Amino acid sequence: MATALARGDTRELLPEIKVPTLLIWGDADKRSPLSVGHQMRDAIPGSRFEVIAGVGHVSNLENPHRFNEIVLDFIATIG
């Protein structure tokens, strides 16, 4: 399963996303660098892209306070 997930390429589906989408990225993410986040943001219509400084791939654990602030603000804007 991990191999299939790692090799699967579903980027062509991103423009089909029709729901509010929040992308949260750590600026020190080595697994998925900011350039990947920018590509996703550009491919998903109307998506919101937020960057947390000084964290990597698990931003929700590395800076949970900032992560939660971003999520709560996003929820407030779509609710």
PDB file of N, CA and C in Angstrom:
ATOM      1  N   MET A   1       0.818  -1.178   0.000  1.00  0.00           N
ATOM      2  CA  MET A   1       0.000   0.000   0.000  1.00  0.00           C
ATOM      3  C   MET A   1       0.871   1.254   0.000  1.00  0.00           C
ATOM      4  N   ALA A   2       1.894   1.246   0.818  1.00  0.00           N
ATOM      5  CA  ALA A   2       2.773   2.425   0.864  1.00  0.00           C
ATOM      6  C   ALA A   2       3.437   2.672  -0.484  1.00  0.00           C
ATOM      7  N   THR A   3       3.849   1.612  -1.143  1.00  0.00           N
ATOM      8  CA  THR A   3       4.472   1.748  -2.458  1.00  0.00           C
ATOM      9  C   THR A   3       3.472   2.307  -3.463  1.00  0.00           C
ATOM     10  N   ALA A   4       2.257   1.803  -3.430  1.00  0.00           N
ATOM     11  CA  ALA A   4       1.232   2.295  -4.351  1.00  0.00           C
ATOM     12  C   ALA A   4       0.943   3.771  -4.109  1.00  0.00           C
ATOM     13  N   LEU A   5       0.881   4.166  -2.855  1.00  0.00           N
ATOM     14  CA  LEU A   5       0.636   5.576  -2.541  1.00  0.00           C
ATOM     15  C   LEU A   5       1.797   6.449  -2.989  1.00  0.00           C
ATOM     16  N   ALA A   6       3.003   5.956  -2.793  1.00  0.00           N
ATOM     17  CA  ALA A   6       4.183   6.735  -3.162  1.00  0.00           C
ATOM     18  C   ALA A   6       4.315   6.899  -4.674  1.00  0.00           C
ATOM     19  N   ARG A   7       3.870   5.911  -5.421  1.00  0.00           N
ATOM     20  CA  ARG A   7       4.027   5.932  -6.870  1.00  0.00           C
ATOM     21  C   ARG A   7       2.799   6.461  -7.610  1.00  0.00           C
ATOM     22  N   GLY A   8       1.676   6.505  -6.940  1.00  0.00           N
ATOM     23  CA  GLY A   8       0.449   6.965  -7.594  1.00  0.00           C
ATOM     24  C   GLY A   8       0.513   8.448  -7.914  1.00  0.00           C
ATOM     25  N   ASP A   9       0.066   8.818  -9.066  1.00  0.00           N
ATOM     26  CA  ASP A   9       0.058  10.220  -9.480  1.00  0.00           C
ATOM     27  C   ASP A   9      -1.373  10.614  -9.817  1.00  0.00           C
ATOM     28  N   THR A  10      -1.984  11.356  -8.944  1.00  0.00           N
ATOM     29  CA  THR A  10      -3.374  11.780  -9.145  1.00  0.00           C
ATOM     30  C   THR A  10      -3.488  13.296  -9.301  1.00  0.00           C
ATOM     31  N   ARG A  11      -2.410  13.925  -9.718  1.00  0.00           N
ATOM     32  CA  ARG A  11      -2.427  15.386  -9.870  1.00  0.00           C
ATOM     33  C   ARG A  11      -3.504  15.875 -10.823  1.00  0.00           C
ATOM     34  N   GLU A  12      -3.862  15.046 -11.799  1.00  0.00           N
ATOM     35  CA  GLU A  12      -4.878  15.482 -12.761  1.00  0.00           C
ATOM     36  C   GLU A  12      -6.247  15.656 -12.107  1.00  0.00           C
ATOM     37  N   LEU A  13      -6.423  15.106 -10.920  1.00  0.00           N
ATOM     38  CA  LEU A  13      -7.696  15.239 -10.210  1.00  0.00           C
ATOM     39  C   LEU A  13      -7.815  16.543  -9.422  1.00  0.00           C
ATOM     40  N   LEU A  14      -6.702  17.189  -9.141  1.00  0.00           N
ATOM     41  CA  LEU A  14      -6.726  18.386  -8.296  1.00  0.00           C
ATOM     42  C   LEU A  14      -7.646  19.486  -8.831  1.00  0.00           C
ATOM     43  N   PRO A  15      -7.670  19.778 -10.125  1.00  0.00           N
ATOM     44  CA  PRO A  15      -8.579  20.824 -10.614  1.00  0.00           C
ATOM     45  C   PRO A  15     -10.061  20.484 -10.450  1.00  0.00           C
ATOM     46  N   GLU A  16     -10.359  19.227 -10.176  1.00  0.00           N
ATOM     47  CA  GLU A  16     -11.750  18.796 -10.014  1.00  0.00           C
ATOM     48  C   GLU A  16     -12.272  19.007  -8.593  1.00  0.00           C
ATOM     49  N   ILE A  17     -11.418  19.381  -7.675  1.00  0.00           N
ATOM     50  CA  ILE A  17     -11.849  19.593  -6.289  1.00  0.00           C
ATOM     51  C   ILE A  17     -12.758  20.816  -6.244  1.00  0.00           C
ATOM     52  N   LYS A  18     -13.948  20.645  -5.711  1.00  0.00           N
ATOM     53  CA  LYS A  18     -14.962  21.704  -5.711  1.00  0.00           C
ATOM     54  C   LYS A  18     -15.377  22.125  -4.304  1.00  0.00           C
ATOM     55  N   VAL A  19     -14.616  21.760  -3.305  1.00  0.00           N
ATOM     56  CA  VAL A  19     -14.933  22.121  -1.922  1.00  0.00           C
ATOM     57  C   VAL A  19     -13.838  23.027  -1.389  1.00  0.00           C
ATOM     58  N   PRO A  20     -14.148  23.832  -0.359  1.00  0.00           N
ATOM     59  CA  PRO A  20     -13.102  24.672   0.236  1.00  0.00           C
ATOM     60  C   PRO A  20     -11.917  23.809   0.665  1.00  0.00           C
ATOM     61  N   THR A  21     -10.738  24.240   0.274  1.00  0.00           N
ATOM     62  CA  THR A  21      -9.540  23.444   0.513  1.00  0.00           C
ATOM     63  C   THR A  21      -8.467  24.290   1.180  1.00  0.00           C
ATOM     64  N   LEU A  22      -7.958  23.782   2.283  1.00  0.00           N
ATOM     65  CA  LEU A  22      -6.879  24.438   3.025  1.00  0.00           C
ATOM     66  C   LEU A  22      -5.632  23.584   2.923  1.00  0.00           C
ATOM     67  N   LEU A  23      -4.560  24.191   2.486  1.00  0.00           N
ATOM     68  CA  LEU A  23      -3.259  23.533   2.418  1.00  0.00           C
ATOM     69  C   LEU A  23      -2.352  24.202   3.439  1.00  0.00           C
ATOM     70  N   ILE A  24      -1.825  23.423   4.374  1.00  0.00           N
ATOM     71  CA  ILE A  24      -0.922  23.961   5.398  1.00  0.00           C
ATOM     72  C   ILE A  24       0.437  23.320   5.186  1.00  0.00           C
ATOM     73  N   TRP A  25       1.448  24.163   5.072  1.00  0.00           N
ATOM     74  CA  TRP A  25       2.795  23.676   4.771  1.00  0.00           C
ATOM     75  C   TRP A  25       3.781  24.212   5.790  1.00  0.00           C
ATOM     76  N   GLY A  26       4.751  23.387   6.130  1.00  0.00           N
ATOM     77  CA  GLY A  26       5.885  23.842   6.916  1.00  0.00           C
ATOM     78  C   GLY A  26       6.986  24.305   5.982  1.00  0.00           C
ATOM     79  N   ASP A  27       7.589  25.450   6.279  1.00  0.00           N
ATOM     80  CA  ASP A  27       8.619  25.951   5.365  1.00  0.00           C
ATOM     81  C   ASP A  27       9.909  25.140   5.410  1.00  0.00           C
ATOM     82  N   ALA A  28      10.022  24.222   6.370  1.00  0.00           N
ATOM     83  CA  ALA A  28      11.202  23.359   6.463  1.00  0.00           C
ATOM     84  C   ALA A  28      10.863  21.913   6.073  1.00  0.00           C
ATOM     85  N   ASP A  29       9.766  21.719   5.373  1.00  0.00           N
ATOM     86  CA  ASP A  29       9.335  20.380   4.979  1.00  0.00           C
ATOM     87  C   ASP A  29      10.257  19.832   3.901  1.00  0.00           C
ATOM     88  N   LYS A  30      10.979  18.784   4.230  1.00  0.00           N
ATOM     89  CA  LYS A  30      11.875  18.159   3.259  1.00  0.00           C
ATOM     90  C   LYS A  30      11.152  17.078   2.449  1.00  0.00           C
ATOM     91  N   ARG A  31      10.107  16.493   2.997  1.00  0.00           N
ATOM     92  CA  ARG A  31       9.327  15.453   2.308  1.00  0.00           C
ATOM     93  C   ARG A  31       8.532  16.055   1.143  1.00  0.00           C
ATOM     94  N   SER A  32       7.904  17.188   1.412  1.00  0.00           N
ATOM     95  CA  SER A  32       7.123  17.907   0.399  1.00  0.00           C
ATOM     96  C   SER A  32       7.490  19.382   0.492  1.00  0.00           C
ATOM     97  N   PRO A  33       8.483  19.815  -0.265  1.00  0.00           N
ATOM     98  CA  PRO A  33       8.925  21.208  -0.174  1.00  0.00           C
ATOM     99  C   PRO A  33       7.834  22.199  -0.593  1.00  0.00           C
ATOM    100  N   LEU A  34       8.054  23.449  -0.268  1.00  0.00           N
ATOM    101  CA  LEU A  34       7.076  24.501  -0.585  1.00  0.00           C
ATOM    102  C   LEU A  34       6.677  24.492  -2.058  1.00  0.00           C
ATOM    103  N   SER A  35       7.584  24.143  -2.934  1.00  0.00           N
ATOM    104  CA  SER A  35       7.247  24.131  -4.364  1.00  0.00           C
ATOM    105  C   SER A  35       6.100  23.163  -4.657  1.00  0.00           C
ATOM    106  N   VAL A  36       6.039  22.056  -3.935  1.00  0.00           N
ATOM    107  CA  VAL A  36       4.933  21.107  -4.099  1.00  0.00           C
ATOM    108  C   VAL A  36       3.629  21.754  -3.630  1.00  0.00           C
ATOM    109  N   GLY A  37       3.687  22.450  -2.504  1.00  0.00           N
ATOM    110  CA  GLY A  37       2.510  23.153  -2.004  1.00  0.00           C
ATOM    111  C   GLY A  37       2.018  24.202  -2.975  1.00  0.00           C
ATOM    112  N   HIS A  38       2.940  24.938  -3.574  1.00  0.00           N
ATOM    113  CA  HIS A  38       2.551  25.949  -4.559  1.00  0.00           C
ATOM    114  C   HIS A  38       1.883  25.308  -5.770  1.00  0.00           C
ATOM    115  N   GLN A  39       2.401  24.159  -6.201  1.00  0.00           N
ATOM    116  CA  GLN A  39       1.791  23.457  -7.328  1.00  0.00           C
ATOM    117  C   GLN A  39       0.375  23.005  -6.989  1.00  0.00           C
ATOM    118  N   MET A  40       0.191  22.486  -5.781  1.00  0.00           N
ATOM    119  CA  MET A  40      -1.149  22.056  -5.367  1.00  0.00           C
ATOM    120  C   MET A  40      -2.090  23.248  -5.273  1.00  0.00           C
ATOM    121  N   ARG A  41      -1.610  24.331  -4.651  1.00  0.00           N
ATOM    122  CA  ARG A  41      -2.425  25.548  -4.553  1.00  0.00           C
ATOM    123  C   ARG A  41      -2.871  26.026  -5.927  1.00  0.00           C
ATOM    124  N   ASP A  42      -1.949  26.038  -6.860  1.00  0.00           N
ATOM    125  CA  ASP A  42      -2.264  26.519  -8.208  1.00  0.00           C
ATOM    126  C   ASP A  42      -3.216  25.585  -8.950  1.00  0.00           C
ATOM    127  N   ALA A  43      -3.201  24.303  -8.602  1.00  0.00           N
ATOM    128  CA  ALA A  43      -4.032  23.323  -9.300  1.00  0.00           C
ATOM    129  C   ALA A  43      -5.437  23.203  -8.712  1.00  0.00           C
ATOM    130  N   ILE A  44      -5.625  23.575  -7.449  1.00  0.00           N
ATOM    131  CA  ILE A  44      -6.932  23.440  -6.798  1.00  0.00           C
ATOM    132  C   ILE A  44      -7.617  24.809  -6.813  1.00  0.00           C
ATOM    133  N   PRO A  45      -8.680  24.946  -7.570  1.00  0.00           N
ATOM    134  CA  PRO A  45      -9.344  26.248  -7.685  1.00  0.00           C
ATOM    135  C   PRO A  45      -9.791  26.788  -6.328  1.00  0.00           C
ATOM    136  N   GLY A  46      -9.422  28.027  -6.053  1.00  0.00           N
ATOM    137  CA  GLY A  46      -9.872  28.693  -4.837  1.00  0.00           C
ATOM    138  C   GLY A  46      -9.250  28.191  -3.547  1.00  0.00           C
ATOM    139  N   SER A  47      -8.226  27.378  -3.645  1.00  0.00           N
ATOM    140  CA  SER A  47      -7.635  26.835  -2.419  1.00  0.00           C
ATOM    141  C   SER A  47      -6.900  27.926  -1.643  1.00  0.00           C
ATOM    142  N   ARG A  48      -6.761  27.677  -0.371  1.00  0.00           N
ATOM    143  CA  ARG A  48      -6.038  28.591   0.521  1.00  0.00           C
ATOM    144  C   ARG A  48      -4.751  27.891   0.950  1.00  0.00           C
ATOM    145  N   PHE A  49      -3.638  28.602   0.866  1.00  0.00           N
ATOM    146  CA  PHE A  49      -2.318  28.056   1.158  1.00  0.00           C
ATOM    147  C   PHE A  49      -1.702  28.843   2.301  1.00  0.00           C
ATOM    148  N   GLU A  50      -1.373  28.152   3.374  1.00  0.00           N
ATOM    149  CA  GLU A  50      -0.765  28.785   4.539  1.00  0.00           C
ATOM    150  C   GLU A  50       0.561  28.100   4.846  1.00  0.00           C
ATOM    151  N   VAL A  51       1.537  28.886   5.246  1.00  0.00           N
ATOM    152  CA  VAL A  51       2.857  28.368   5.580  1.00  0.00           C
ATOM    153  C   VAL A  51       3.151  28.655   7.044  1.00  0.00           C
ATOM    154  N   ILE A  52       3.650  27.634   7.739  1.00  0.00           N
ATOM    155  CA  ILE A  52       4.077  27.796   9.124  1.00  0.00           C
ATOM    156  C   ILE A  52       5.603  27.796   9.129  1.00  0.00           C
ATOM    157  N   ALA A  53       6.175  28.854   9.646  1.00  0.00           N
ATOM    158  CA  ALA A  53       7.629  29.007   9.672  1.00  0.00           C
ATOM    159  C   ALA A  53       8.269  28.060  10.686  1.00  0.00           C
ATOM    160  N   GLY A  54       9.400  27.513  10.288  1.00  0.00           N
ATOM    161  CA  GLY A  54      10.222  26.735  11.193  1.00  0.00           C
ATOM    162  C   GLY A  54       9.772  25.322  11.479  1.00  0.00           C
ATOM    163  N   VAL A  55       8.837  24.804  10.706  1.00  0.00           N
ATOM    164  CA  VAL A  55       8.376  23.426  10.921  1.00  0.00           C
ATOM    165  C   VAL A  55       8.526  22.624   9.640  1.00  0.00           C
ATOM    166  N   GLY A  56       8.483  21.296   9.806  1.00  0.00           N
ATOM    167  CA  GLY A  56       8.628  20.400   8.675  1.00  0.00           C
ATOM    168  C   GLY A  56       7.309  19.789   8.249  1.00  0.00           C
ATOM    169  N   HIS A  57       7.342  18.489   7.983  1.00  0.00           N
ATOM    170  CA  HIS A  57       6.208  17.787   7.388  1.00  0.00           C
ATOM    171  C   HIS A  57       5.055  17.550   8.357  1.00  0.00           C
ATOM    172  N   VAL A  58       5.311  17.546   9.635  1.00  0.00           N
ATOM    173  CA  VAL A  58       4.239  17.306  10.622  1.00  0.00           C
ATOM    174  C   VAL A  58       3.970  18.598  11.406  1.00  0.00           C
ATOM    175  N   SER A  59       3.567  19.607  10.678  1.00  0.00           N
ATOM    176  CA  SER A  59       3.364  20.931  11.271  1.00  0.00           C
ATOM    177  C   SER A  59       2.340  20.919  12.390  1.00  0.00           C
ATOM    178  N   ASN A  60       1.376  20.020  12.324  1.00  0.00           N
ATOM    179  CA  ASN A  60       0.357  19.948  13.378  1.00  0.00           C
ATOM    180  C   ASN A  60       0.956  19.495  14.709  1.00  0.00           C
ATOM    181  N   LEU A  61       2.048  18.757  14.667  1.00  0.00           N
ATOM    182  CA  LEU A  61       2.719  18.333  15.893  1.00  0.00           C
ATOM    183  C   LEU A  61       3.856  19.278  16.280  1.00  0.00           C
ATOM    184  N   GLU A  62       4.493  19.870  15.293  1.00  0.00           N
ATOM    185  CA  GLU A  62       5.636  20.736  15.545  1.00  0.00           C
ATOM    186  C   GLU A  62       5.231  22.118  16.060  1.00  0.00           C
ATOM    187  N   ASN A  63       4.094  22.606  15.613  1.00  0.00           N
ATOM    188  CA  ASN A  63       3.574  23.886  16.093  1.00  0.00           C
ATOM    189  C   ASN A  63       2.048  23.797  16.130  1.00  0.00           C
ATOM    190  N   PRO A  64       1.522  23.016  17.080  1.00  0.00           N
ATOM    191  CA  PRO A  64       0.066  22.793  17.107  1.00  0.00           C
ATOM    192  C   PRO A  64      -0.736  24.075  17.329  1.00  0.00           C
ATOM    193  N   HIS A  65      -0.196  25.013  18.079  1.00  0.00           N
ATOM    194  CA  HIS A  65      -0.931  26.260  18.332  1.00  0.00           C
ATOM    195  C   HIS A  65      -1.175  27.015  17.024  1.00  0.00           C
ATOM    196  N   ARG A  66      -0.134  27.216  16.238  1.00  0.00           N
ATOM    197  CA  ARG A  66      -0.286  27.941  14.970  1.00  0.00           C
ATOM    198  C   ARG A  66      -1.140  27.148  13.984  1.00  0.00           C
ATOM    199  N   PHE A  67      -0.927  25.833  13.929  1.00  0.00           N
ATOM    200  CA  PHE A  67      -1.715  24.975  13.058  1.00  0.00           C
ATOM    201  C   PHE A  67      -3.207  25.127  13.379  1.00  0.00           C
ATOM    202  N   ASN A  68      -3.544  25.044  14.650  1.00  0.00           N
ATOM    203  CA  ASN A  68      -4.952  25.154  15.057  1.00  0.00           C
ATOM    204  C   ASN A  68      -5.523  26.529  14.751  1.00  0.00           C
ATOM    205  N   GLU A  69      -4.725  27.574  14.930  1.00  0.00           N
ATOM    206  CA  GLU A  69      -5.189  28.926  14.581  1.00  0.00           C
ATOM    207  C   GLU A  69      -5.578  28.997  13.103  1.00  0.00           C
ATOM    208  N   ILE A  70      -4.730  28.451  12.262  1.00  0.00           N
ATOM    209  CA  ILE A  70      -4.987  28.485  10.819  1.00  0.00           C
ATOM    210  C   ILE A  70      -6.262  27.706  10.489  1.00  0.00           C
ATOM    211  N   VAL A  71      -6.398  26.521  11.061  1.00  0.00           N
ATOM    212  CA  VAL A  71      -7.582  25.692  10.782  1.00  0.00           C
ATOM    213  C   VAL A  71      -8.854  26.383  11.275  1.00  0.00           C
ATOM    214  N   LEU A  72      -8.830  26.916  12.485  1.00  0.00           N
ATOM    215  CA  LEU A  72     -10.022  27.579  13.025  1.00  0.00           C
ATOM    216  C   LEU A  72     -10.406  28.808  12.209  1.00  0.00           C
ATOM    217  N   ASP A  73      -9.404  29.571  11.755  1.00  0.00           N
ATOM    218  CA  ASP A  73      -9.685  30.734  10.912  1.00  0.00           C
ATOM    219  C   ASP A  73     -10.300  30.296   9.585  1.00  0.00           C
ATOM    220  N   PHE A  74      -9.781  29.228   9.016  1.00  0.00           N
ATOM    221  CA  PHE A  74     -10.317  28.715   7.747  1.00  0.00           C
ATOM    222  C   PHE A  74     -11.763  28.272   7.921  1.00  0.00           C
ATOM    223  N   ILE A  75     -12.026  27.541   8.993  1.00  0.00           N
ATOM    224  CA  ILE A  75     -13.389  27.070   9.257  1.00  0.00           C
ATOM    225  C   ILE A  75     -14.348  28.256   9.407  1.00  0.00           C
ATOM    226  N   ALA A  76     -13.886  29.292  10.092  1.00  0.00           N
ATOM    227  CA  ALA A  76     -14.733  30.483  10.282  1.00  0.00           C
ATOM    228  C   ALA A  76     -15.067  31.167   8.966  1.00  0.00           C
ATOM    229  N   THR A  77     -14.161  31.086   8.006  1.00  0.00           N
ATOM    230  CA  THR A  77     -14.412  31.766   6.727  1.00  0.00           C
ATOM    231  C   THR A  77     -15.325  30.982   5.805  1.00  0.00           C
ATOM    232  N   ILE A  78     -15.477  29.688   6.051  1.00  0.00           N
ATOM    233  CA  ILE A  78     -16.335  28.894   5.168  1.00  0.00           C
ATOM    234  C   ILE A  78     -17.661  28.549   5.820  1.00  0.00           C
ATOM    235  N   GLY A  79     -17.769  28.780   7.127  1.00  0.00           N
ATOM    236  CA  GLY A  79     -18.971  28.406   7.858  1.00  0.00           C
ATOM    237  C   GLY A  79     -20.010  29.421   7.733  1.00  0.00           C
TER     238      GLY A  79
END
